[in-house]
Protein backbone atom coordinates (compact mmCIF):
# COMPACT_ATOMS: atom_id res chain seq x y z
CA MET A 1 -0.26 -0.06 0.33
CA LYS A 2 1.11 3.55 -0.80
CA ALA A 3 0.90 6.13 1.55
CA SER A 4 -1.28 8.34 -0.89
CA SER A 5 -3.32 5.44 -0.94
CA SER A 6 -5.01 6.17 2.64
CA ALA A 7 -6.79 8.72 0.85
CA PHE A 8 -8.93 6.43 -1.20
CA TYR A 9 -10.36 4.55 2.07
CA ARG A 10 -13.26 5.80 4.14
CA CYS A 11 -14.13 4.27 7.64
CA PRO A 12 -16.53 1.35 7.03
CA ALA A 13 -18.19 2.24 10.35
CA ASP A 14 -19.21 5.92 9.76
CA GLY A 15 -18.00 6.50 6.37
CA SER A 16 -15.35 9.54 7.80
CA ALA A 17 -11.96 9.88 6.41
CA LEU A 18 -9.08 7.98 7.92
CA MET A 19 -5.56 9.05 8.63
CA LEU A 20 -2.51 7.09 8.34
CA GLU A 21 -0.57 6.34 11.39
CA SER A 22 2.76 4.82 10.42
CA VAL A 23 6.52 4.82 10.01
CA VAL A 24 6.61 5.34 6.47
CA SER A 25 9.79 4.64 4.37
CA GLY A 26 9.32 6.44 0.98
CA ASP A 27 5.47 5.92 -0.35
CA ALA A 28 5.27 2.20 0.61
CA ILE A 29 3.84 0.79 3.85
CA GLU A 30 4.13 -2.68 4.98
CA THR A 31 2.67 -2.27 8.26
CA GLY A 32 0.74 0.58 10.09
CA THR A 33 -2.73 1.73 10.93
CA LEU A 34 -5.66 3.68 9.44
CA ALA A 35 -7.64 5.82 12.17
CA SER A 36 -10.64 7.66 12.00
CA ALA A 37 -11.51 11.00 13.98
CA ALA A 38 -13.76 8.97 15.93
CA GLY A 39 -11.19 6.61 16.99
CA LYS A 40 -11.68 3.52 14.90
CA ARG A 41 -8.59 1.97 13.88
CA TYR A 42 -7.40 -0.60 11.06
CA SER A 43 -4.10 -2.31 10.57
CA ILE A 44 -2.19 -2.57 7.62
CA ALA A 45 -0.22 -5.83 7.18
CA HIS A 46 1.68 -6.82 4.38
CA GLY A 47 0.71 -3.52 2.23
CA ILE A 48 -3.07 -4.41 2.72
CA PRO A 49 -5.45 -2.40 4.90
CA TYR A 50 -7.50 -4.65 7.00
CA LEU A 51 -10.86 -2.53 6.96
CA VAL A 52 -13.40 -5.20 8.27
CA HIS A 53 -16.74 -3.79 10.06
CA PRO A 54 -18.16 -4.58 12.54
CA GLU A 55 -14.71 -6.41 14.34
CA THR A 56 -16.68 -9.31 15.19
CA LEU A 57 -18.47 -11.07 11.93
CA SER A 58 -21.99 -12.97 11.58
CA PRO A 59 -21.59 -16.61 11.65
CA ILE A 60 -22.47 -17.05 8.04
CA GLU A 61 -19.29 -14.23 7.45
CA GLN A 62 -16.99 -15.93 9.79
CA GLN A 63 -17.56 -19.40 8.06
CA THR A 64 -17.15 -17.78 4.68
CA GLN A 65 -13.95 -16.00 5.68
CA ALA A 66 -12.48 -19.35 6.88
CA GLU A 67 -13.31 -21.48 4.05
CA TYR A 68 -11.90 -19.03 1.51
CA ASP A 69 -8.88 -18.65 3.88
CA ARG A 70 -8.20 -22.66 3.89
CA VAL A 71 -8.90 -22.76 0.03
CA ALA A 72 -6.86 -19.77 -1.10
CA GLU A 73 -3.91 -21.81 -1.69
CA ARG A 74 -4.24 -23.89 -4.89
CA ILE A 75 -7.39 -25.85 -3.68
CA TYR A 76 -9.63 -22.85 -4.96
CA ASP A 77 -8.14 -22.59 -8.36
CA THR A 78 -8.14 -26.43 -8.79
CA ALA A 79 -11.81 -26.41 -8.34
CA VAL A 80 -12.79 -23.91 -10.45
CA ASP A 81 -10.42 -25.32 -13.22
CA TRP A 82 -12.34 -28.40 -12.59
CA GLN A 83 -15.98 -26.77 -12.60
CA PHE A 84 -15.19 -25.40 -16.32
CA ALA A 85 -13.80 -28.58 -17.50
CA ALA A 86 -16.78 -30.59 -15.86
CA PHE A 87 -19.56 -28.04 -17.29
CA LEU A 88 -17.51 -28.18 -21.03
CA GLU A 89 -17.08 -24.27 -20.88
CA ASP A 90 -14.32 -21.87 -22.09
CA GLU A 91 -13.42 -19.94 -19.20
CA ASP A 92 -11.50 -17.36 -20.96
CA ALA A 93 -15.17 -16.67 -23.34
CA VAL A 94 -17.26 -16.74 -20.23
CA ARG A 95 -15.20 -14.46 -18.13
CA GLU A 96 -14.10 -12.00 -20.81
CA GLY A 97 -18.28 -11.82 -21.83
CA MET A 98 -18.79 -10.97 -18.07
CA VAL A 99 -16.49 -8.36 -18.23
CA ASP A 100 -17.91 -6.93 -21.56
CA LEU A 101 -21.41 -6.44 -19.74
CA LEU A 102 -19.37 -3.92 -17.23
CA ARG A 103 -18.71 -2.08 -20.29
CA VAL A 104 -15.30 -0.45 -18.51
CA GLN A 105 -13.47 2.26 -20.14
CA PRO A 106 -9.80 3.34 -19.94
CA GLY A 107 -8.95 5.49 -17.50
CA GLN A 108 -12.01 4.44 -15.39
CA ARG A 109 -11.83 3.50 -11.50
CA VAL A 110 -13.59 -0.13 -10.59
CA LEU A 111 -14.01 -2.01 -7.70
CA GLU A 112 -14.04 -5.80 -7.83
CA VAL A 113 -15.62 -7.14 -4.78
CA GLY A 114 -14.73 -10.81 -3.93
CA CYS A 115 -11.68 -10.78 -5.72
CA GLY A 116 -10.88 -14.05 -5.22
CA THR A 117 -7.44 -15.22 -6.77
CA GLY A 118 -7.78 -12.91 -9.32
CA ARG A 119 -9.32 -15.05 -12.45
CA ASP A 120 -11.37 -11.93 -13.21
CA SER A 121 -9.16 -8.95 -11.92
CA TYR A 122 -6.52 -9.03 -14.62
CA ARG A 123 -9.16 -9.21 -17.28
CA ILE A 124 -10.69 -5.97 -16.01
CA GLY A 125 -7.25 -4.24 -15.08
CA ARG A 126 -5.81 -4.56 -18.72
CA ARG A 127 -9.05 -2.74 -20.00
CA LEU A 128 -8.34 0.14 -18.02
CA GLY A 129 -4.95 1.33 -19.32
CA PRO A 130 -2.43 3.23 -17.21
CA GLY A 131 -5.00 6.29 -16.44
CA GLY A 132 -7.43 3.72 -14.65
CA ALA A 133 -7.49 2.12 -11.25
CA LEU A 134 -8.63 -1.39 -9.85
CA PHE A 135 -9.87 -1.75 -6.52
CA MET A 136 -9.76 -5.47 -5.67
CA GLN A 137 -11.44 -6.50 -2.24
CA ASP A 138 -12.28 -9.80 -0.11
CA LEU A 139 -13.45 -10.81 3.25
CA SER A 140 -10.37 -13.44 3.32
CA PRO A 141 -6.87 -12.17 3.76
CA ASN A 142 -5.55 -14.97 2.16
CA MET A 143 -7.57 -14.88 -0.70
CA VAL A 144 -6.33 -10.89 -1.13
CA ALA A 145 -2.66 -12.05 -0.49
CA ALA A 146 -3.25 -14.56 -3.45
CA CYS A 147 -4.62 -12.07 -5.67
CA ALA A 148 -1.71 -9.39 -5.14
CA ARG A 149 0.89 -12.36 -6.14
CA ASN A 150 -1.29 -13.43 -9.24
CA MET A 151 -1.64 -9.50 -10.20
CA ARG A 152 1.90 -8.67 -9.41
CA ASP A 153 3.05 -11.50 -12.29
CA ARG A 154 0.80 -9.71 -14.89
CA VAL A 155 2.26 -6.36 -14.07
CA GLU A 156 5.58 -8.00 -14.59
CA ARG A 157 4.35 -9.45 -17.97
CA ASP A 158 3.06 -6.09 -18.89
CA GLU A 159 -0.63 -7.23 -19.34
CA VAL A 160 -1.56 -4.77 -16.72
CA GLU A 161 -0.72 -1.08 -16.38
CA CYS A 162 -3.33 0.58 -14.34
CA VAL A 163 -3.23 1.54 -10.53
CA LEU A 164 -3.68 -1.75 -8.21
CA GLU A 165 -5.25 -1.76 -4.90
CA TYR A 166 -6.07 -4.46 -2.26
CA SER A 167 -8.28 -4.30 0.82
CA VAL A 168 -9.79 -6.83 3.21
CA SER A 169 -13.32 -5.90 4.12
CA ASN A 170 -16.81 -6.51 4.55
CA VAL A 171 -19.37 -6.29 1.64
CA VAL A 172 -22.10 -4.87 3.60
CA HIS A 173 -19.77 -2.01 5.00
CA LEU A 174 -17.51 -1.02 2.12
CA PRO A 175 -14.79 1.16 3.12
CA PHE A 176 -15.38 3.79 0.18
CA ALA A 177 -17.48 6.88 -0.27
CA ASP A 178 -20.61 7.35 -1.96
CA GLY A 179 -20.07 7.15 -6.14
CA PHE A 180 -16.27 6.57 -5.62
CA PHE A 181 -16.51 4.12 -8.67
CA ASP A 182 -17.45 4.36 -12.24
CA ALA A 183 -18.20 0.36 -11.77
CA VAL A 184 -18.46 -2.77 -9.54
CA PHE A 185 -17.91 -6.17 -10.38
CA HIS A 186 -18.63 -9.37 -8.18
CA PHE A 187 -18.79 -12.82 -9.49
CA GLY A 188 -18.84 -15.93 -7.32
CA GLY A 189 -19.74 -15.34 -3.54
CA LEU A 190 -23.38 -13.82 -3.36
CA ASN A 191 -25.29 -16.72 -2.32
CA GLN A 192 -22.93 -16.87 0.85
CA PHE A 193 -23.04 -13.07 2.16
CA GLY A 194 -24.99 -12.79 5.07
CA ASP A 195 -27.55 -10.13 3.81
CA ILE A 196 -27.92 -10.24 -0.09
CA PRO A 197 -29.95 -7.12 -0.48
CA LYS A 198 -28.06 -5.08 1.70
CA ALA A 199 -24.81 -6.30 -0.18
CA ILE A 200 -26.55 -5.26 -3.43
CA ALA A 201 -27.37 -1.73 -1.91
CA GLU A 202 -23.88 -1.43 -0.97
CA LEU A 203 -22.53 -2.17 -4.15
CA THR A 204 -24.70 0.53 -5.61
CA ARG A 205 -24.15 3.14 -3.05
CA VAL A 206 -20.25 3.36 -3.89
CA VAL A 207 -21.11 3.52 -7.83
CA GLY A 208 -21.43 6.92 -9.26
CA PRO A 209 -24.38 8.00 -11.39
CA GLY A 210 -24.43 5.99 -14.86
CA GLY A 211 -22.30 3.63 -13.63
CA ARG A 212 -22.41 0.00 -13.88
CA VAL A 213 -22.90 -2.90 -11.36
CA LEU A 214 -22.38 -6.56 -12.05
CA VAL A 215 -23.36 -9.39 -9.69
CA GLY A 216 -23.44 -13.26 -10.26
CA ASP A 217 -23.49 -16.68 -8.74
CA GLU A 218 -24.58 -20.29 -8.76
CA ALA A 219 -28.19 -20.64 -9.73
CA VAL A 220 -29.68 -23.20 -11.96
CA ALA A 221 -31.78 -21.54 -14.79
CA PRO A 222 -35.50 -21.53 -14.24
CA TRP A 223 -36.21 -23.95 -16.90
CA LEU A 224 -33.85 -26.42 -15.73
CA LYS A 225 -35.57 -26.44 -12.41
CA GLY A 226 -36.99 -29.60 -11.26
CA THR A 227 -35.00 -31.81 -14.11
CA GLU A 228 -32.49 -34.35 -13.81
CA PHE A 229 -29.78 -31.85 -14.67
CA GLU A 230 -30.74 -29.67 -11.61
CA ALA A 231 -30.40 -32.54 -9.52
CA ILE A 232 -27.21 -33.67 -10.54
CA VAL A 233 -25.33 -30.28 -10.13
CA THR A 234 -27.44 -29.65 -6.76
CA THR A 235 -26.08 -32.76 -5.59
CA ASN A 236 -22.58 -31.72 -6.51
CA ASN A 237 -22.85 -28.66 -4.59
CA PRO A 238 -26.17 -27.50 -3.02
CA LEU A 239 -25.46 -23.84 -3.76
CA PHE A 240 -26.71 -24.44 -7.06
CA LYS A 241 -30.35 -24.58 -5.67
CA ALA A 242 -30.39 -20.84 -5.35
CA ASP A 243 -32.45 -18.37 -7.14
CA ALA A 244 -31.35 -15.28 -8.85
CA PRO A 245 -31.60 -12.41 -6.56
CA LEU A 246 -33.63 -9.99 -9.05
CA SER A 247 -36.30 -8.72 -6.01
CA ALA A 248 -32.81 -7.55 -4.07
CA LEU A 249 -31.92 -4.94 -7.08
CA PRO A 250 -32.23 -1.14 -6.24
CA VAL A 251 -35.12 1.12 -7.47
CA SER A 252 -32.29 2.88 -9.13
CA ALA A 253 -31.58 -0.01 -11.25
CA ARG A 254 -31.78 0.86 -15.00
CA ASP A 255 -30.93 -1.26 -18.42
CA VAL A 256 -31.11 -4.30 -16.55
CA THR A 257 -29.98 -7.90 -17.88
CA ILE A 258 -29.59 -11.03 -16.63
CA THR A 259 -27.91 -13.92 -18.42
CA TRP A 260 -27.13 -17.46 -17.35
CA VAL A 261 -23.89 -18.91 -18.14
CA ILE A 262 -21.62 -22.11 -17.57
CA ALA A 263 -24.26 -24.42 -18.63
CA ASN A 264 -27.22 -22.33 -17.66
CA SER A 265 -26.03 -23.00 -13.77
CA PHE A 266 -24.68 -19.33 -13.03
CA TYR A 267 -26.56 -16.10 -13.36
CA VAL A 268 -25.07 -12.67 -14.22
CA ILE A 269 -27.24 -9.72 -13.36
CA ALA A 270 -25.88 -6.32 -14.65
CA PHE A 271 -27.32 -2.97 -14.57
CA THR A 272 -26.86 0.77 -14.77
CA LYS A 273 -27.40 3.06 -11.61
CA GLY A 274 -29.98 5.65 -12.24
CA ASP A 275 -31.11 8.22 -9.77
CA GLY A 276 -34.15 6.88 -7.73
CA PRO A 277 -37.13 5.11 -9.21
CA PRO A 278 -37.74 5.37 -13.09
CA PRO A 279 -39.17 9.06 -14.01
CA LEU A 280 -42.98 9.36 -14.70
CA ASP A 281 -44.90 12.00 -16.11
CA LEU A 282 -47.44 12.01 -13.35
CA ASP A 283 -49.46 14.79 -14.55
CA ARG A 284 -50.07 13.32 -18.56
CA PRO A 285 -54.05 13.13 -18.72
CA HIS A 286 -55.54 10.11 -19.78
CA SER A 287 -57.88 10.14 -22.71
CA GLY A 288 -61.55 8.69 -22.43
CA TRP A 289 -64.52 8.96 -19.94
CA ARG A 290 -62.47 8.28 -16.63
CA GLY A 291 -59.92 11.12 -17.37
CA GLY A 292 -57.33 12.21 -14.63
CA SER A 293 -53.48 11.14 -14.54
CA MET A 294 -51.76 8.85 -12.64
CA ARG A 295 -51.20 11.51 -10.08
CA THR A 296 -54.71 12.06 -9.68
CA ARG A 297 -55.50 8.18 -9.51
CA TYR A 298 -52.77 7.49 -7.24
CA PHE A 299 -52.70 10.68 -4.73
CA GLY A 300 -56.36 11.93 -5.01
CA GLN A 301 -58.51 8.94 -4.23
CA LEU A 302 -61.29 9.82 -1.76
CA GLU A 303 -63.95 7.84 0.29
CA GLY A 304 -66.09 5.45 -1.96
CA VAL A 305 -69.67 6.72 -2.90
CA THR A 306 -73.00 4.19 -3.27
CA PRO A 307 -73.40 2.63 -6.68
CA GLU A 308 -76.22 5.51 -7.37
CA ALA A 309 -74.07 8.44 -7.05
CA LYS A 310 -71.19 6.70 -9.22
CA GLY A 311 -73.83 6.33 -12.18
CA LEU A 312 -75.19 9.81 -11.61
CA ALA A 313 -71.82 11.31 -11.59
CA ARG A 314 -70.81 9.41 -14.67
CA ASP A 315 -74.08 10.54 -16.63
CA ALA A 316 -73.41 14.04 -15.51
CA ALA A 317 -70.14 14.34 -16.70
CA ALA A 318 -71.15 12.58 -20.26
CA THR A 319 -74.08 15.35 -20.53
CA GLU A 320 -71.46 17.87 -19.99
CA GLY A 321 -68.91 16.57 -22.25
CA VAL A 322 -66.03 16.15 -19.76
CA SER A 323 -64.20 13.36 -18.12
CA LEU A 324 -65.60 11.79 -14.79
CA HIS A 325 -62.24 13.37 -13.20
CA GLU A 326 -62.88 16.59 -14.60
CA TRP A 327 -66.34 16.92 -13.49
CA LEU A 328 -65.79 15.38 -10.02
CA ASP A 329 -62.76 17.39 -9.42
CA ARG A 330 -65.20 20.73 -9.72
CA VAL A 331 -67.87 19.52 -8.32
CA VAL A 332 -65.94 18.37 -4.97
CA LYS A 333 -64.29 21.72 -4.90
CA ASP A 334 -67.05 24.00 -5.29
CA GLY A 335 -68.82 21.86 -2.65
CA ALA A 336 -66.04 22.36 -0.14
CA ARG A 337 -65.51 26.23 -0.95
CA ARG A 338 -69.15 26.50 -0.35
CA THR A 339 -68.97 24.89 3.39
CA LEU A 340 -65.81 26.28 3.97
CA LYS A 341 -67.01 29.62 2.76
CA ARG A 342 -63.70 30.17 0.54
């Protein structure tokens, strides 16, 4: 970690800036501490900041962290190699296709959540060029260390030229400011997050307006549910029983796509971050006898009337040649004003 990199990070507990407390030799920091004004302190070990919050992880997070720490050396990569071979898939084609969905451009700043050993990291990094920056995060310190080693090899071979940053953190408390990134990428691991909706909300928070978010993990496609194919793959790995978490997407999601990859056994959801819910013209009038608009029909509802009153109102509006909305709006206003003497 460089001393200058401390400006990129925020306290995962309260979002405040972090100050570097360390004996610095040049710009490189192997060990040290990042501290917030409120007194929160986070260690730096082997050049990687440990920004986990809360200090005591949930049971599922503890289990996930321990499992990935255990398999980071060789076991994980061997298992991934087996999976692509067993599913008769071309790993290069699949992973490059996913990165395509992120739509990254040279010079952008990208966060990869759950970087693992870096099998997607270098594919993202080489698209960013010397003016870009790739931040790689994982809950497992051993995975981050393995990713950093593999990325160093890529840099030495001149495959990756962008700035590289690494951190250990919890996905539901990412140590970055709102809108800090142009895009966020996460593939593999979402099913084991303790709170999937909160995790996706956090990924969206750190992306700026118009930025891209991509998430993916195991889930046999809906049309394969209940088949022998599903029975085979879920017997091998129960995580394939999961469903794609479309209901967990934020209301700000735009241009949403969902794709199934790797023998239709993994979903990939990609979307662009908008500003709140999709925009509506609430005041565009309806044509027809009812009239009104989306605004009046939603916000202007009144207590129900008898069927006789409703029929008389419809007939009166038709006689006057106006919509039911126009007639009722005028009659209610006139009656209320007479009563209120306004």
